[in-house]
Each structure stands twice: as structure tokens, then as C-alpha cells.
Amino acid sequence: MLKNFLYLNEAALSDYVSALEGGIRSAVGDRRTDSRGAHGKAGFGGFGGGGEAAHESEQTVSMKDTPPAQFERLMRLVSADPEAAGWVEVMDPDSEFPTLGTGSLIDVECDIQIPAFVSMLNRGSGLVDTMKSLSALSDIIPNAANIDVSQLTMLETMTNLLGDRLMIIGSPDSDAWRITGQLLPAHQRVEMEDLEGDVRVVGKVKRRIHAGESHPLMALPGSSVMSREKRREIARKGPSSESDDSWVRGPALVLDILAIYR
């Protein structure tokens, strides 16, 4: 199947392939030789002994080892020895997710969404600029907007800390389990809104969030933009409501995401 990569962490991909192959290919060469023989008569006027002239041509094709080619090779390598690679192609999340340990490399089909909380705070959303404009407008037109300056400052701080990073929540074929992880902007291949929907996700398990537990998205391993004390304070308080999408609720797997594709 030809894959359309929406996200591909090329640095991690090279590391995985290098670990399994013992090095990185810079290029792949394909050498082809074509030999042909020409028959004829030697001598004056076509009389005389038979003769043959050989013609040989050689063509060398050098192909760059691209990330999609590396990914296909990685899939072949882990499928050939899944136990050594810690590889699991998840077919039944409800029975397979509980058995996965930290470091397992999985491929799972799911419907991923970017929580509204993350979309709004993402630097590319332009929310802070809009709020600043409304705040400035209130100085000119009374009652045009009622924006608390301290809240605007806090919002701007959170946006600057998050930057262009995204956190996603994926719903596999399960009534209970979820997956989550952060996406680094350097490895995104499509716009934020094009990431959502039915996809396949490949990643390594970083931790498990147990049933009954909740974890703030802003404090996911590898994506935390808060101090340890602040994370603990927020974790103690828990979600403000059932509809608070700034939290991921267990049971869930936190992944170090390698690829998202269709």
C-alpha cells in the first residue's frame, strides 16, 4: 500500500533503522549490463570466414535513501523479528494494550483529534493576536470588549511556552482505551487541520495512564511546558469538568510518535 505521510519523525526513523541494520545507507546502487552480439561474414564481397562483434553497455542508477523508503524497510525489519524489535501491529486494543510494556513499538488504526484547548493555544491559531486587538479596541470604543489583562498575559505566556507543538488524542477500536502524544512541528507534513481523522499511528510506548487516572496534556512526558511543582498542583486538582479536553483520561497509552499516515 502506498502511504501518504501526514507526520514522519525522520530523525527517530534513521535511529531505528540504523539500530537494526548496523548503519545508515547513503544511497542504493543498481548496476545493469547489456551485452549484444553481431554476426557477419569476413572477407572480400562477403566471402570468407564467419565473424562476431560484441557490444556491451553498462548503466548505473543511484537512488537516494529517502525517509519513506527507510520506513518501508523498518516495517520489513520489525515484522521479520517482532519479538526482538518489540513490534506489535495492534488488531484488538482492548486485549493487546494492557500487555504492552514501555518501549513497545506499535502500529494502530485510530481516529485522531487535536483538542480545542491545544488548537487555540497553538501559536499558529492567532488567538492571542485577536485578543490583543480586542483589548486595544476597548480603549477606543467603551464596552467593545471586556478582557482581563492578567488573563490575557497568562494566555500569551502559555501560547509562547507551547509554541507550534501539538498534542493529539487518538480513539482506536475500543470503548475505553485512548492514545496520546505530542507532534513536533519540524516533522509535520500537512497543516494542523489535515491531521485529524482516520489514520494509522506508529510509535513507541512511553507510559500508561491507568483507568480512573487523568493527566494534563500540557504535562505529557516530553511535551511538558510547566515546572514539576505546577504539574503536581494541576494534577491534584484534576479536570474542571467532564468536558475539559485539556486532560487525557485513562486507560490510555502515551506514545513517542514516529509516523502518522493514511
Protein backbone atom coordinates (compact mmCIF):
# COMPACT_ATOMS: atom_id res chain seq x y z
CA MET A 1 0.00 0.00 0.00
CA LEU A 2 1.30 3.45 -0.91
CA LYS A 3 1.40 5.62 2.19
CA ASN A 4 0.57 9.30 2.49
CA PHE A 5 2.60 10.51 5.47
CA LEU A 6 0.97 13.28 7.49
CA TYR A 7 3.73 13.17 10.08
CA LEU A 8 7.12 11.45 9.99
CA ASN A 9 9.88 11.90 12.56
CA GLU A 10 12.84 11.39 10.23
CA ALA A 11 15.49 11.63 12.95
CA ALA A 12 13.88 8.87 15.04
CA LEU A 13 13.29 6.80 11.90
CA SER A 14 17.00 6.93 10.99
CA ASP A 15 17.92 5.90 14.54
CA TYR A 16 15.58 2.89 14.49
CA VAL A 17 16.76 1.69 11.07
CA SER A 18 20.40 2.25 11.99
CA ALA A 19 20.00 0.20 15.17
CA LEU A 20 18.51 -2.73 13.25
CA GLU A 21 20.83 -2.60 10.24
CA GLY A 22 24.02 -1.53 11.98
CA GLY A 23 24.36 1.67 9.99
CA ILE A 24 22.69 4.11 7.61
CA ARG A 25 22.60 3.78 3.84
CA SER A 26 23.64 6.90 1.96
CA ALA A 27 22.47 5.57 -1.41
CA VAL A 28 21.43 2.38 -3.19
CA GLY A 29 23.15 1.49 -6.47
CA ASP A 30 21.67 -0.58 -9.30
CA ARG A 31 24.15 -1.71 -11.98
CA ARG A 32 22.85 -3.19 -15.25
CA THR A 33 24.91 -4.61 -18.11
CA ASP A 34 23.54 -5.27 -21.60
CA SER A 35 25.61 -7.46 -23.98
CA ARG A 36 24.76 -7.92 -27.66
CA GLY A 37 26.44 -9.92 -30.43
CA ALA A 38 26.52 -9.02 -34.17
CA HIS A 39 27.07 -11.82 -36.73
CA GLY A 40 28.53 -11.34 -40.24
CA LYS A 41 30.86 -12.62 -42.97
CA ALA A 42 34.52 -11.67 -43.07
CA GLY A 43 36.39 -11.35 -46.36
CA PHE A 44 36.01 -9.70 -49.75
CA GLY A 45 32.50 -9.44 -51.11
CA GLY A 46 31.03 -11.34 -48.22
CA PHE A 47 33.12 -14.47 -48.87
CA GLY A 48 35.36 -15.78 -46.17
CA GLY A 49 35.10 -16.93 -42.54
CA GLY A 50 32.28 -16.06 -40.15
CA GLY A 51 32.80 -13.25 -37.62
CA GLU A 52 31.12 -11.84 -34.49
CA ALA A 53 31.40 -8.41 -32.93
CA ALA A 54 30.38 -7.98 -29.28
CA HIS A 55 28.87 -4.73 -27.94
CA GLU A 56 28.44 -4.13 -24.22
CA SER A 57 26.74 -1.21 -22.49
CA GLU A 58 26.53 -0.52 -18.77
CA GLN A 59 24.06 1.63 -16.85
CA THR A 60 24.37 2.55 -13.18
CA VAL A 61 21.42 4.02 -11.30
CA SER A 62 21.97 5.54 -7.85
CA MET A 63 18.87 6.05 -5.67
CA LYS A 64 18.77 8.23 -2.57
CA ASP A 65 17.63 6.51 0.63
CA THR A 66 14.53 8.61 1.30
CA PRO A 67 12.55 8.62 4.58
CA PRO A 68 9.54 6.79 3.04
CA ALA A 69 11.93 4.10 1.75
CA GLN A 70 13.51 3.87 5.21
CA PHE A 71 10.07 3.49 6.77
CA GLU A 72 9.15 0.60 4.47
CA ARG A 73 12.45 -1.07 5.30
CA LEU A 74 11.84 -0.57 9.01
CA MET A 75 8.44 -2.26 8.70
CA ARG A 76 10.03 -5.25 6.97
CA LEU A 77 12.76 -5.49 9.61
CA VAL A 78 10.45 -5.36 12.63
CA SER A 79 7.94 -7.73 11.03
CA ALA A 80 10.71 -10.26 10.38
CA ASP A 81 11.62 -10.41 14.09
CA PRO A 82 8.81 -8.77 16.11
CA GLU A 83 9.97 -10.15 19.45
CA ALA A 84 13.46 -8.67 19.18
CA ALA A 85 12.10 -5.34 17.91
CA GLY A 86 9.26 -5.18 20.45
CA TRP A 87 6.90 -4.80 17.49
CA VAL A 88 3.12 -5.16 17.74
CA GLU A 89 0.63 -4.48 14.96
CA VAL A 90 -2.42 -3.88 17.13
CA MET A 91 -5.60 -5.56 15.94
CA ASP A 92 -7.57 -5.66 19.21
CA PRO A 93 -6.70 -2.72 21.53
CA ASP A 94 -8.83 -3.99 24.41
CA SER A 95 -6.84 -7.23 24.70
CA GLU A 96 -3.43 -6.06 23.43
CA PHE A 97 -2.96 -2.62 25.01
CA PRO A 98 -2.88 -3.94 28.62
CA THR A 99 0.02 -6.27 27.72
CA LEU A 100 2.24 -3.61 26.13
CA GLY A 101 5.31 -2.53 28.04
CA THR A 102 7.34 0.65 27.89
CA GLY A 103 9.39 0.69 24.69
CA SER A 104 6.99 -1.40 22.62
CA LEU A 105 6.76 -0.19 19.02
CA ILE A 106 3.17 -0.34 17.82
CA ASP A 107 1.08 0.32 14.73
CA VAL A 108 -2.58 1.05 15.45
CA GLU A 109 -5.50 2.38 13.44
CA CYS A 110 -7.42 5.16 15.15
CA ASP A 111 -9.36 8.39 14.76
CA ILE A 112 -7.16 11.24 15.98
CA GLN A 113 -8.29 14.66 17.12
CA ILE A 114 -6.48 17.79 18.23
CA PRO A 115 -8.25 19.03 21.37
CA ALA A 116 -9.74 22.51 21.06
CA PHE A 117 -7.61 23.57 24.03
CA VAL A 118 -4.44 22.73 22.09
CA SER A 119 -5.68 24.23 18.82
CA MET A 120 -6.44 27.55 20.49
CA LEU A 121 -3.13 27.77 22.36
CA ASN A 122 -1.06 26.78 19.34
CA ARG A 123 0.94 29.76 18.16
CA GLY A 124 -0.41 29.41 14.64
CA SER A 125 -4.02 29.88 15.75
CA GLY A 126 -3.62 33.66 16.10
CA LEU A 127 -5.82 33.69 19.22
CA VAL A 128 -3.51 35.90 21.27
CA ASP A 129 -3.22 38.47 18.48
CA THR A 130 -7.00 38.55 18.16
CA MET A 131 -7.43 39.03 21.91
CA LYS A 132 -4.85 41.82 21.90
CA SER A 133 -6.71 43.58 19.10
CA LEU A 134 -9.98 43.33 21.00
CA SER A 135 -8.30 44.63 24.14
CA ALA A 136 -6.90 47.61 22.23
CA LEU A 137 -10.32 48.23 20.71
CA SER A 138 -11.84 48.56 24.18
CA ASP A 139 -9.62 51.59 24.80
CA ILE A 140 -11.22 53.33 21.83
CA ILE A 141 -14.79 52.06 21.99
CA PRO A 142 -16.19 51.71 25.52
CA ASN A 143 -17.65 48.26 26.28
CA ALA A 144 -16.41 46.92 22.93
CA ALA A 145 -14.67 44.09 24.76
CA ASN A 146 -14.23 43.11 28.36
CA ILE A 147 -10.86 41.36 28.52
CA ASP A 148 -8.95 40.87 31.74
CA VAL A 149 -5.35 41.98 31.15
CA SER A 150 -3.95 39.44 33.63
CA GLN A 151 -5.79 36.60 31.86
CA LEU A 152 -4.51 37.82 28.50
CA THR A 153 -0.96 37.83 29.88
CA MET A 154 -1.37 34.28 31.18
CA LEU A 155 -2.79 33.15 27.83
CA GLU A 156 0.13 34.71 25.98
CA THR A 157 2.61 33.01 28.32
CA MET A 158 1.00 29.60 27.75
CA THR A 159 0.98 30.13 23.98
CA ASN A 160 4.65 31.08 23.93
CA LEU A 161 5.56 28.04 26.03
CA LEU A 162 3.59 25.65 23.82
CA GLY A 163 4.87 27.21 20.61
CA ASP A 164 3.97 25.21 17.50
CA ARG A 165 3.83 21.85 19.24
CA LEU A 166 0.64 19.84 19.05
CA MET A 167 -0.82 17.15 21.27
CA ILE A 168 -3.23 14.63 19.82
CA ILE A 169 -5.71 12.16 21.26
CA GLY A 170 -6.49 9.05 19.25
CA SER A 171 -9.50 6.76 19.60
CA PRO A 172 -8.78 3.20 18.41
CA ASP A 173 -11.40 0.49 18.00
CA SER A 174 -12.12 0.43 21.73
CA ASP A 175 -14.77 1.80 24.07
CA ALA A 176 -12.18 2.53 26.76
CA TRP A 177 -8.61 2.95 25.50
CA ARG A 178 -7.06 6.08 24.01
CA ILE A 179 -3.62 7.01 22.73
CA THR A 180 -1.94 10.38 23.07
CA GLY A 181 1.36 12.05 22.26
CA GLN A 182 2.95 15.23 21.01
CA LEU A 183 3.84 16.18 17.45
CA LEU A 184 6.92 18.25 16.69
CA PRO A 185 6.35 20.94 14.04
CA ALA A 186 9.56 20.07 12.15
CA HIS A 187 8.13 16.66 11.26
CA GLN A 188 4.61 17.72 10.26
CA ARG A 189 3.92 17.28 6.55
CA VAL A 190 0.41 18.76 6.47
CA GLU A 191 -1.48 21.59 8.12
CA MET A 192 -2.89 21.11 11.61
CA GLU A 193 -6.48 20.59 10.45
CA ASP A 194 -5.44 17.91 7.94
CA LEU A 195 -4.02 15.69 10.69
CA GLU A 196 -7.42 14.79 12.11
CA GLY A 197 -9.48 11.78 11.10
CA ASP A 198 -8.93 8.08 10.49
CA VAL A 199 -5.23 7.29 10.27
CA ARG A 200 -2.60 4.74 11.27
CA VAL A 201 -0.21 5.75 14.03
CA VAL A 202 3.22 4.18 14.63
CA GLY A 203 5.02 4.97 17.87
CA LYS A 204 6.85 3.70 20.94
CA VAL A 205 5.03 3.36 24.25
CA LYS A 206 6.35 5.88 26.80
CA ARG A 207 3.95 5.28 29.66
CA ARG A 208 0.48 4.04 30.57
CA ILE A 209 -2.27 6.12 32.14
CA HIS A 210 -4.39 3.72 34.17
CA ALA A 211 -8.17 3.62 34.28
CA GLY A 212 -9.51 6.21 36.69
CA GLU A 213 -6.45 8.45 36.26
CA SER A 214 -6.32 11.74 34.38
CA HIS A 215 -3.25 13.51 33.05
CA PRO A 216 -2.97 17.12 31.80
CA LEU A 217 -1.94 17.29 28.15
CA MET A 218 0.44 20.16 28.88
CA ALA A 219 2.39 17.84 31.21
CA LEU A 220 2.80 14.82 28.94
CA PRO A 221 6.30 13.27 29.02
CA GLY A 222 8.48 15.11 26.53
CA SER A 223 5.97 17.89 25.99
CA SER A 224 5.70 19.49 29.42
CA VAL A 225 5.79 23.29 29.44
CA MET A 226 5.30 23.52 33.20
CA SER A 227 7.52 23.19 36.23
CA ARG A 228 7.27 19.98 38.26
CA GLU A 229 5.57 21.83 41.11
CA LYS A 230 2.98 23.33 38.77
CA ARG A 231 2.30 19.94 37.17
CA ARG A 232 1.72 18.36 40.58
CA GLU A 233 -0.57 21.20 41.63
CA ILE A 234 -2.70 20.85 38.49
CA ALA A 235 -2.73 17.04 38.75
CA ARG A 236 -4.06 17.27 42.31
CA LYS A 237 -6.93 19.49 41.20
CA GLY A 238 -7.89 17.28 38.26
CA PRO A 239 -10.12 18.23 35.31
CA SER A 240 -12.52 21.10 35.91
CA SER A 241 -15.34 19.16 34.23
CA GLU A 242 -16.07 16.07 32.14
CA SER A 243 -15.87 18.22 29.00
CA ASP A 244 -12.41 19.62 29.85
CA ASP A 245 -10.37 18.48 26.84
CA SER A 246 -7.05 19.70 28.24
CA TRP A 247 -6.76 16.33 30.02
CA VAL A 248 -6.42 12.76 28.77
CA ARG A 249 -8.32 10.19 30.78
CA GLY A 250 -7.18 6.63 31.33
CA PRO A 251 -6.87 3.97 30.29
CA ALA A 252 -4.52 5.42 27.69
CA LEU A 253 -1.07 4.94 26.20
CA VAL A 254 1.33 7.86 25.86
CA LEU A 255 3.34 7.38 22.66
CA ASP A 256 6.55 8.77 21.25
CA ILE A 257 5.01 9.15 17.79
CA LEU A 258 7.12 8.09 14.82
CA ALA A 259 4.62 8.33 11.97
CA ILE A 260 1.03 9.13 11.10
CA TYR A 261 -0.16 8.04 7.68
CA ARG A 262 -3.13 7.10 5.54
